[in-house]
Structures are given as structure tokens and as C-alpha cells.
Amino acid sequence: MKTNSNFVLRTIIGQNVLVAEGVNAVNMSSIIHLNDSAAYLWTSVQGKEFTVETLRDLLLERYEVDEATAAADAAKVAQTWEEYKLLQ
């Protein structure tokens, strides 16, 4: 999978948000807020092919969390990104 290149991560008033750019921005009806962990993941994989396992490994590298928790969180993030059409 790969992040949707039409979305750019911005920090607005201290909040991480994904903003649609280009033609797709015209149809954007909401701002997508990312917590710090999701923003870290997005920045780490933006423009690259990745898997849920990639996200898991990134979480394990940055946070003191067990592998099962990191795997579950990575799967949830990927599922949410898919639901919001943030992946290509």
C-alpha cells in the first residue's frame, strides 16, 4: 500500500491534519486529524510502499510497546486510512 499523494500533513495550531491538495481538495468536506503517533507513521511512509508490518516495526522502534500491541495498532491505523481513502 502507499499513502495517497493528494494529502499533505500540516501542523495547524499545534494539531496534525491531513489536507487535500489539488483537484481533490474541492470535494473535501472535512479535515482529517492525526494524533502524534499516526502523524509519525504517515511521515515515515509517505511516498513509499509499505505494509502493516512496516507500520508495526516503526511503532516498535519509536515507542515502548510490546509487539502484539504495536501490531494491533498498526492494523487499526491502516484500516482507518483505507476507510478514509488515504491510501492508493
PDB file of N, CA and C in Angstrom:
ATOM      1  N   MET A   1       0.844  -1.176   0.000  1.00  0.00           N
ATOM      2  CA  MET A   1       0.000   0.000   0.000  1.00  0.00           C
ATOM      3  C   MET A   1       0.883   1.230   0.000  1.00  0.00           C
ATOM      4  N   LYS A   2       0.278   2.367  -0.268  1.00  0.00           N
ATOM      5  CA  LYS A   2       1.000   3.629  -0.350  1.00  0.00           C
ATOM      6  C   LYS A   2       0.049   4.750   0.053  1.00  0.00           C
ATOM      7  N   THR A   3       0.592   5.786   0.704  1.00  0.00           N
ATOM      8  CA  THR A   3      -0.259   6.903   1.088  1.00  0.00           C
ATOM      9  C   THR A   3      -0.739   7.640  -0.151  1.00  0.00           C
ATOM     10  N   ASN A   4      -1.914   8.232  -0.060  1.00  0.00           N
ATOM     11  CA  ASN A   4      -2.490   8.990  -1.153  1.00  0.00           C
ATOM     12  C   ASN A   4      -1.725  10.307  -1.280  1.00  0.00           C
ATOM     13  N   SER A   5      -1.088  10.509  -2.425  1.00  0.00           N
ATOM     14  CA  SER A   5      -0.247  11.685  -2.627  1.00  0.00           C
ATOM     15  C   SER A   5      -1.043  12.988  -2.704  1.00  0.00           C
ATOM     16  N   ASN A   6      -2.365  12.907  -2.746  1.00  0.00           N
ATOM     17  CA  ASN A   6      -3.192  14.117  -2.760  1.00  0.00           C
ATOM     18  C   ASN A   6      -3.351  14.734  -1.369  1.00  0.00           C
ATOM     19  N   PHE A   7      -2.871  14.036  -0.350  1.00  0.00           N
ATOM     20  CA  PHE A   7      -2.965  14.543   1.016  1.00  0.00           C
ATOM     21  C   PHE A   7      -1.590  14.912   1.546  1.00  0.00           C
ATOM     22  N   VAL A   8      -1.520  16.065   2.196  1.00  0.00           N
ATOM     23  CA  VAL A   8      -0.270  16.564   2.769  1.00  0.00           C
ATOM     24  C   VAL A   8      -0.493  16.790   4.257  1.00  0.00           C
ATOM     25  N   LEU A   9       0.465  16.337   5.067  1.00  0.00           N
ATOM     26  CA  LEU A   9       0.379  16.535   6.511  1.00  0.00           C
ATOM     27  C   LEU A   9       0.830  17.942   6.847  1.00  0.00           C
ATOM     28  N   ARG A  10       0.019  18.648   7.573  1.00  0.00           N
ATOM     29  CA  ARG A  10       0.320  20.010   8.022  1.00  0.00           C
ATOM     30  C   ARG A  10       0.086  20.084   9.537  1.00  0.00           C
ATOM     31  N   THR A  11       0.776  21.019  10.165  1.00  0.00           N
ATOM     32  CA  THR A  11       0.517  21.314  11.572  1.00  0.00           C
ATOM     33  C   THR A  11      -0.180  22.656  11.615  1.00  0.00           C
ATOM     34  N   ILE A  12      -1.414  22.645  12.111  1.00  0.00           N
ATOM     35  CA  ILE A  12      -2.222  23.855  12.178  1.00  0.00           C
ATOM     36  C   ILE A  12      -2.628  24.054  13.624  1.00  0.00           C
ATOM     37  N   ILE A  13      -2.192  25.155  14.186  1.00  0.00           N
ATOM     38  CA  ILE A  13      -2.458  25.487  15.582  1.00  0.00           C
ATOM     39  C   ILE A  13      -2.089  24.302  16.485  1.00  0.00           C
ATOM     40  N   GLY A  14      -0.939  23.721  16.231  1.00  0.00           N
ATOM     41  CA  GLY A  14      -0.438  22.627  17.048  1.00  0.00           C
ATOM     42  C   GLY A  14      -1.085  21.273  16.806  1.00  0.00           C
ATOM     43  N   GLN A  15      -1.962  21.170  15.807  1.00  0.00           N
ATOM     44  CA  GLN A  15      -2.652  19.919  15.507  1.00  0.00           C
ATOM     45  C   GLN A  15      -2.157  19.357  14.176  1.00  0.00           C
ATOM     46  N   ASN A  16      -1.953  18.042  14.136  1.00  0.00           N
ATOM     47  CA  ASN A  16      -1.566  17.367  12.891  1.00  0.00           C
ATOM     48  C   ASN A  16      -2.818  17.098  12.076  1.00  0.00           C
ATOM     49  N   VAL A  17      -2.859  17.648  10.858  1.00  0.00           N
ATOM     50  CA  VAL A  17      -4.020  17.431  10.000  1.00  0.00           C
ATOM     51  C   VAL A  17      -3.561  17.073   8.590  1.00  0.00           C
ATOM     52  N   LEU A  18      -4.329  16.218   7.946  1.00  0.00           N
ATOM     53  CA  LEU A  18      -4.104  15.915   6.542  1.00  0.00           C
ATOM     54  C   LEU A  18      -4.996  16.832   5.729  1.00  0.00           C
ATOM     55  N   VAL A  19      -4.403  17.489   4.759  1.00  0.00           N
ATOM     56  CA  VAL A  19      -5.118  18.439   3.925  1.00  0.00           C
ATOM     57  C   VAL A  19      -5.039  17.960   2.479  1.00  0.00           C
ATOM     58  N   ALA A  20      -6.185  17.928   1.814  1.00  0.00           N
ATOM     59  CA  ALA A  20      -6.215  17.557   0.402  1.00  0.00           C
ATOM     60  C   ALA A  20      -5.710  18.725  -0.423  1.00  0.00           C
ATOM     61  N   GLU A  21      -4.883  18.414  -1.414  1.00  0.00           N
ATOM     62  CA  GLU A  21      -4.383  19.440  -2.318  1.00  0.00           C
ATOM     63  C   GLU A  21      -4.784  19.102  -3.740  1.00  0.00           C
ATOM     64  N   GLY A  22      -4.854  20.096  -4.572  1.00  0.00           N
ATOM     65  CA  GLY A  22      -5.180  19.881  -5.978  1.00  0.00           C
ATOM     66  C   GLY A  22      -6.670  19.770  -6.213  1.00  0.00           C
ATOM     67  N   VAL A  23      -7.039  19.099  -7.287  1.00  0.00           N
ATOM     68  CA  VAL A  23      -8.432  18.963  -7.710  1.00  0.00           C
ATOM     69  C   VAL A  23      -9.271  18.294  -6.634  1.00  0.00           C
ATOM     70  N   ASN A  24      -8.720  17.297  -5.944  1.00  0.00           N
ATOM     71  CA  ASN A  24      -9.488  16.579  -4.929  1.00  0.00           C
ATOM     72  C   ASN A  24      -9.856  17.454  -3.739  1.00  0.00           C
ATOM     73  N   ALA A  25      -9.150  18.548  -3.533  1.00  0.00           N
ATOM     74  CA  ALA A  25      -9.441  19.421  -2.402  1.00  0.00           C
ATOM     75  C   ALA A  25     -10.817  20.069  -2.536  1.00  0.00           C
ATOM     76  N   VAL A  26     -11.291  20.230  -3.759  1.00  0.00           N
ATOM     77  CA  VAL A  26     -12.592  20.851  -3.985  1.00  0.00           C
ATOM     78  C   VAL A  26     -13.694  20.037  -3.316  1.00  0.00           C
ATOM     79  N   ASN A  27     -13.579  18.717  -3.312  1.00  0.00           N
ATOM     80  CA  ASN A  27     -14.602  17.850  -2.742  1.00  0.00           C
ATOM     81  C   ASN A  27     -14.365  17.508  -1.277  1.00  0.00           C
ATOM     82  N   MET A  28     -13.366  18.081  -0.673  1.00  0.00           N
ATOM     83  CA  MET A  28     -13.025  17.759   0.711  1.00  0.00           C
ATOM     84  C   MET A  28     -14.000  18.457   1.647  1.00  0.00           C
ATOM     85  N   SER A  29     -14.707  17.677   2.462  1.00  0.00           N
ATOM     86  CA  SER A  29     -15.714  18.268   3.350  1.00  0.00           C
ATOM     87  C   SER A  29     -15.285  18.242   4.806  1.00  0.00           C
ATOM     88  N   SER A  30     -14.136  17.669   5.105  1.00  0.00           N
ATOM     89  CA  SER A  30     -13.672  17.654   6.487  1.00  0.00           C
ATOM     90  C   SER A  30     -12.158  17.610   6.532  1.00  0.00           C
ATOM     91  N   ILE A  31     -11.634  17.975   7.664  1.00  0.00           N
ATOM     92  CA  ILE A  31     -10.199  17.906   7.908  1.00  0.00           C
ATOM     93  C   ILE A  31      -9.941  16.623   8.678  1.00  0.00           C
ATOM     94  N   ILE A  32      -8.871  15.933   8.327  1.00  0.00           N
ATOM     95  CA  ILE A  32      -8.548  14.678   8.985  1.00  0.00           C
ATOM     96  C   ILE A  32      -7.440  14.938   9.995  1.00  0.00           C
ATOM     97  N   HIS A  33      -7.756  14.743  11.258  1.00  0.00           N
ATOM     98  CA  HIS A  33      -6.814  14.968  12.349  1.00  0.00           C
ATOM     99  C   HIS A  33      -6.054  13.682  12.640  1.00  0.00           C
ATOM    100  N   LEU A  34      -4.737  13.786  12.809  1.00  0.00           N
ATOM    101  CA  LEU A  34      -3.918  12.637  13.186  1.00  0.00           C
ATOM    102  C   LEU A  34      -3.273  12.902  14.537  1.00  0.00           C
ATOM    103  N   ASN A  35      -3.294  11.896  15.420  1.00  0.00           N
ATOM    104  CA  ASN A  35      -2.548  12.061  16.666  1.00  0.00           C
ATOM    105  C   ASN A  35      -1.063  11.976  16.336  1.00  0.00           C
ATOM    106  N   ASP A  36      -0.211  12.204  17.326  1.00  0.00           N
ATOM    107  CA  ASP A  36       1.224  12.249  17.079  1.00  0.00           C
ATOM    108  C   ASP A  36       1.764  10.932  16.524  1.00  0.00           C
ATOM    109  N   SER A  37       1.252   9.814  17.001  1.00  0.00           N
ATOM    110  CA  SER A  37       1.719   8.502  16.525  1.00  0.00           C
ATOM    111  C   SER A  37       1.349   8.297  15.060  1.00  0.00           C
ATOM    112  N   ALA A  38       0.116   8.609  14.709  1.00  0.00           N
ATOM    113  CA  ALA A  38      -0.324   8.453  13.316  1.00  0.00           C
ATOM    114  C   ALA A  38       0.428   9.419  12.404  1.00  0.00           C
ATOM    115  N   ALA A  39       0.693  10.626  12.879  1.00  0.00           N
ATOM    116  CA  ALA A  39       1.461  11.589  12.083  1.00  0.00           C
ATOM    117  C   ALA A  39       2.887  11.085  11.865  1.00  0.00           C
ATOM    118  N   TYR A  40       3.479  10.486  12.883  1.00  0.00           N
ATOM    119  CA  TYR A  40       4.812   9.887  12.754  1.00  0.00           C
ATOM    120  C   TYR A  40       4.795   8.789  11.699  1.00  0.00           C
ATOM    121  N   LEU A  41       3.800   7.921  11.755  1.00  0.00           N
ATOM    122  CA  LEU A  41       3.696   6.849  10.773  1.00  0.00           C
ATOM    123  C   LEU A  41       3.523   7.416   9.364  1.00  0.00           C
ATOM    124  N   TRP A  42       2.630   8.390   9.218  1.00  0.00           N
ATOM    125  CA  TRP A  42       2.366   8.985   7.909  1.00  0.00           C
ATOM    126  C   TRP A  42       3.653   9.576   7.324  1.00  0.00           C
ATOM    127  N   THR A  43       4.365  10.354   8.132  1.00  0.00           N
ATOM    128  CA  THR A  43       5.606  10.973   7.681  1.00  0.00           C
ATOM    129  C   THR A  43       6.641   9.920   7.303  1.00  0.00           C
ATOM    130  N   SER A  44       6.693   8.847   8.055  1.00  0.00           N
ATOM    131  CA  SER A  44       7.692   7.799   7.828  1.00  0.00           C
ATOM    132  C   SER A  44       7.453   7.015   6.536  1.00  0.00           C
ATOM    133  N   VAL A  45       6.203   6.866   6.134  1.00  0.00           N
ATOM    134  CA  VAL A  45       5.903   6.039   4.962  1.00  0.00           C
ATOM    135  C   VAL A  45       5.432   6.840   3.751  1.00  0.00           C
ATOM    136  N   GLN A  46       5.267   8.136   3.897  1.00  0.00           N
ATOM    137  CA  GLN A  46       4.755   8.947   2.800  1.00  0.00           C
ATOM    138  C   GLN A  46       5.630   8.793   1.560  1.00  0.00           C
ATOM    139  N   GLY A  47       4.991   8.478   0.431  1.00  0.00           N
ATOM    140  CA  GLY A  47       5.684   8.335  -0.833  1.00  0.00           C
ATOM    141  C   GLY A  47       6.378   7.000  -1.029  1.00  0.00           C
ATOM    142  N   LYS A  48       6.184   6.064  -0.084  1.00  0.00           N
ATOM    143  CA  LYS A  48       6.841   4.761  -0.158  1.00  0.00           C
ATOM    144  C   LYS A  48       5.804   3.650  -0.094  1.00  0.00           C
ATOM    145  N   GLU A  49       6.144   2.512  -0.673  1.00  0.00           N
ATOM    146  CA  GLU A  49       5.328   1.317  -0.485  1.00  0.00           C
ATOM    147  C   GLU A  49       5.562   0.819   0.944  1.00  0.00           C
ATOM    148  N   PHE A  50       4.496   0.370   1.608  1.00  0.00           N
ATOM    149  CA  PHE A  50       4.631  -0.149   2.963  1.00  0.00           C
ATOM    150  C   PHE A  50       3.558  -1.184   3.231  1.00  0.00           C
ATOM    151  N   THR A  51       3.738  -1.909   4.322  1.00  0.00           N
ATOM    152  CA  THR A  51       2.782  -2.911   4.769  1.00  0.00           C
ATOM    153  C   THR A  51       2.382  -2.603   6.206  1.00  0.00           C
ATOM    154  N   VAL A  52       1.425  -3.344   6.696  1.00  0.00           N
ATOM    155  CA  VAL A  52       1.050  -3.214   8.110  1.00  0.00           C
ATOM    156  C   VAL A  52       2.255  -3.559   8.981  1.00  0.00           C
ATOM    157  N   GLU A  53       3.058  -4.513   8.539  1.00  0.00           N
ATOM    158  CA  GLU A  53       4.246  -4.894   9.293  1.00  0.00           C
ATOM    159  C   GLU A  53       5.258  -3.747   9.357  1.00  0.00           C
ATOM    160  N   THR A  54       5.335  -2.959   8.301  1.00  0.00           N
ATOM    161  CA  THR A  54       6.196  -1.771   8.299  1.00  0.00           C
ATOM    162  C   THR A  54       5.747  -0.807   9.388  1.00  0.00           C
ATOM    163  N   LEU A  55       4.429  -0.574   9.456  1.00  0.00           N
ATOM    164  CA  LEU A  55       3.883   0.322  10.479  1.00  0.00           C
ATOM    165  C   LEU A  55       4.165  -0.229  11.867  1.00  0.00           C
ATOM    166  N   ARG A  56       3.984  -1.540  12.043  1.00  0.00           N
ATOM    167  CA  ARG A  56       4.264  -2.183  13.328  1.00  0.00           C
ATOM    168  C   ARG A  56       5.716  -1.951  13.737  1.00  0.00           C
ATOM    169  N   ASP A  57       6.633  -2.176  12.812  1.00  0.00           N
ATOM    170  CA  ASP A  57       8.054  -2.023  13.112  1.00  0.00           C
ATOM    171  C   ASP A  57       8.401  -0.585  13.473  1.00  0.00           C
ATOM    172  N   LEU A  58       7.783   0.363  12.796  1.00  0.00           N
ATOM    173  CA  LEU A  58       8.009   1.773  13.124  1.00  0.00           C
ATOM    174  C   LEU A  58       7.534   2.093  14.543  1.00  0.00           C
ATOM    175  N   LEU A  59       6.390   1.546  14.918  1.00  0.00           N
ATOM    176  CA  LEU A  59       5.887   1.752  16.281  1.00  0.00           C
ATOM    177  C   LEU A  59       6.820   1.126  17.311  1.00  0.00           C
ATOM    178  N   LEU A  60       7.321  -0.059  17.002  1.00  0.00           N
ATOM    179  CA  LEU A  60       8.245  -0.737  17.926  1.00  0.00           C
ATOM    180  C   LEU A  60       9.550   0.039  18.089  1.00  0.00           C
ATOM    181  N   GLU A  61      10.022   0.654  17.016  1.00  0.00           N
ATOM    182  CA  GLU A  61      11.255   1.435  17.072  1.00  0.00           C
ATOM    183  C   GLU A  61      11.115   2.695  17.910  1.00  0.00           C
ATOM    184  N   ARG A  62       9.946   3.312  17.856  1.00  0.00           N
ATOM    185  CA  ARG A  62       9.776   4.620  18.491  1.00  0.00           C
ATOM    186  C   ARG A  62       9.185   4.561  19.897  1.00  0.00           C
ATOM    187  N   TYR A  63       8.333   3.589  20.145  1.00  0.00           N
ATOM    188  CA  TYR A  63       7.604   3.550  21.415  1.00  0.00           C
ATOM    189  C   TYR A  63       7.930   2.294  22.213  1.00  0.00           C
ATOM    190  N   GLU A  64       7.815   2.397  23.501  1.00  0.00           N
ATOM    191  CA  GLU A  64       7.997   1.248  24.380  1.00  0.00           C
ATOM    192  C   GLU A  64       6.670   0.511  24.480  1.00  0.00           C
ATOM    193  N   VAL A  65       6.482  -0.413  23.556  1.00  0.00           N
ATOM    194  CA  VAL A  65       5.232  -1.148  23.453  1.00  0.00           C
ATOM    195  C   VAL A  65       5.569  -2.569  23.025  1.00  0.00           C
ATOM    196  N   ASP A  66       4.752  -3.523  23.448  1.00  0.00           N
ATOM    197  CA  ASP A  66       5.008  -4.904  23.055  1.00  0.00           C
ATOM    198  C   ASP A  66       4.562  -5.125  21.606  1.00  0.00           C
ATOM    199  N   GLU A  67       5.060  -6.205  21.009  1.00  0.00           N
ATOM    200  CA  GLU A  67       4.809  -6.465  19.597  1.00  0.00           C
ATOM    201  C   GLU A  67       3.331  -6.656  19.275  1.00  0.00           C
ATOM    202  N   ALA A  68       2.599  -7.326  20.159  1.00  0.00           N
ATOM    203  CA  ALA A  68       1.174  -7.563  19.913  1.00  0.00           C
ATOM    204  C   ALA A  68       0.399  -6.244  19.872  1.00  0.00           C
ATOM    205  N   THR A  69       0.716  -5.349  20.785  1.00  0.00           N
ATOM    206  CA  THR A  69       0.042  -4.050  20.820  1.00  0.00           C
ATOM    207  C   THR A  69       0.395  -3.236  19.583  1.00  0.00           C
ATOM    208  N   ALA A  70       1.674  -3.233  19.216  1.00  0.00           N
ATOM    209  CA  ALA A  70       2.109  -2.495  18.025  1.00  0.00           C
ATOM    210  C   ALA A  70       1.433  -3.049  16.778  1.00  0.00           C
ATOM    211  N   ALA A  71       1.311  -4.366  16.678  1.00  0.00           N
ATOM    212  CA  ALA A  71       0.672  -4.992  15.521  1.00  0.00           C
ATOM    213  C   ALA A  71      -0.803  -4.614  15.446  1.00  0.00           C
ATOM    214  N   ALA A  72      -1.477  -4.640  16.572  1.00  0.00           N
ATOM    215  CA  ALA A  72      -2.899  -4.285  16.600  1.00  0.00           C
ATOM    216  C   ALA A  72      -3.095  -2.813  16.237  1.00  0.00           C
ATOM    217  N   ASP A  73      -2.261  -1.945  16.786  1.00  0.00           N
ATOM    218  CA  ASP A  73      -2.370  -0.518  16.492  1.00  0.00           C
ATOM    219  C   ASP A  73      -2.064  -0.235  15.021  1.00  0.00           C
ATOM    220  N   ALA A  74      -1.053  -0.899  14.472  1.00  0.00           N
ATOM    221  CA  ALA A  74      -0.686  -0.711  13.069  1.00  0.00           C
ATOM    222  C   ALA A  74      -1.827  -1.145  12.156  1.00  0.00           C
ATOM    223  N   ALA A  75      -2.450  -2.262  12.475  1.00  0.00           N
ATOM    224  CA  ALA A  75      -3.577  -2.750  11.669  1.00  0.00           C
ATOM    225  C   ALA A  75      -4.744  -1.780  11.728  1.00  0.00           C
ATOM    226  N   LYS A  76      -4.991  -1.222  12.902  1.00  0.00           N
ATOM    227  CA  LYS A  76      -6.097  -0.269  13.051  1.00  0.00           C
ATOM    228  C   LYS A  76      -5.828   1.011  12.252  1.00  0.00           C
ATOM    229  N   VAL A  77      -4.596   1.492  12.309  1.00  0.00           N
ATOM    230  CA  VAL A  77      -4.235   2.696  11.551  1.00  0.00           C
ATOM    231  C   VAL A  77      -4.425   2.447  10.054  1.00  0.00           C
ATOM    232  N   ALA A  78      -3.911   1.328   9.567  1.00  0.00           N
ATOM    233  CA  ALA A  78      -4.034   1.010   8.138  1.00  0.00           C
ATOM    234  C   ALA A  78      -5.497   0.892   7.724  1.00  0.00           C
ATOM    235  N   GLN A  79      -6.308   0.267   8.558  1.00  0.00           N
ATOM    236  CA  GLN A  79      -7.737   0.117   8.264  1.00  0.00           C
ATOM    237  C   GLN A  79      -8.423   1.483   8.219  1.00  0.00           C
ATOM    238  N   THR A  80      -8.100   2.335   9.166  1.00  0.00           N
ATOM    239  CA  THR A  80      -8.696   3.674   9.212  1.00  0.00           C
ATOM    240  C   THR A  80      -8.275   4.479   7.995  1.00  0.00           C
ATOM    241  N   TRP A  81      -7.001   4.422   7.637  1.00  0.00           N
ATOM    242  CA  TRP A  81      -6.529   5.145   6.457  1.00  0.00           C
ATOM    243  C   TRP A  81      -7.243   4.642   5.208  1.00  0.00           C
ATOM    244  N   GLU A  82      -7.459   3.346   5.139  1.00  0.00           N
ATOM    245  CA  GLU A  82      -8.169   2.765   3.991  1.00  0.00           C
ATOM    246  C   GLU A  82      -9.617   3.278   3.939  1.00  0.00           C
ATOM    247  N   GLU A  83     -10.285   3.299   5.086  1.00  0.00           N
ATOM    248  CA  GLU A  83     -11.679   3.754   5.153  1.00  0.00           C
ATOM    249  C   GLU A  83     -11.821   5.208   4.714  1.00  0.00           C
ATOM    250  N   TYR A  84     -10.831   6.027   5.071  1.00  0.00           N
ATOM    251  CA  TYR A  84     -10.887   7.451   4.730  1.00  0.00           C
ATOM    252  C   TYR A  84     -10.258   7.758   3.365  1.00  0.00           C
ATOM    253  N   LYS A  85      -9.921   6.686   2.633  1.00  0.00           N
ATOM    254  CA  LYS A  85      -9.358   6.821   1.284  1.00  0.00           C
ATOM    255  C   LYS A  85      -8.043   7.591   1.284  1.00  0.00           C
ATOM    256  N   LEU A  86      -7.244   7.338   2.316  1.00  0.00           N
ATOM    257  CA  LEU A  86      -5.933   7.995   2.426  1.00  0.00           C
ATOM    258  C   LEU A  86      -4.820   7.159   1.804  1.00  0.00           C
ATOM    259  N   LEU A  87      -5.200   6.002   1.247  1.00  0.00           N
ATOM    260  CA  LEU A  87      -4.229   5.114   0.610  1.00  0.00           C
ATOM    261  C   LEU A  87      -4.536   4.969  -0.867  1.00  0.00           C
ATOM    262  N   GLN A  88      -3.494   4.705  -1.638  1.00  0.00           N
ATOM    263  CA  GLN A  88      -3.656   4.479  -3.084  1.00  0.00           C
ATOM    264  C   GLN A  88      -3.626   2.998  -3.354  1.00  0.00           C
TER     265      GLN A  88
END
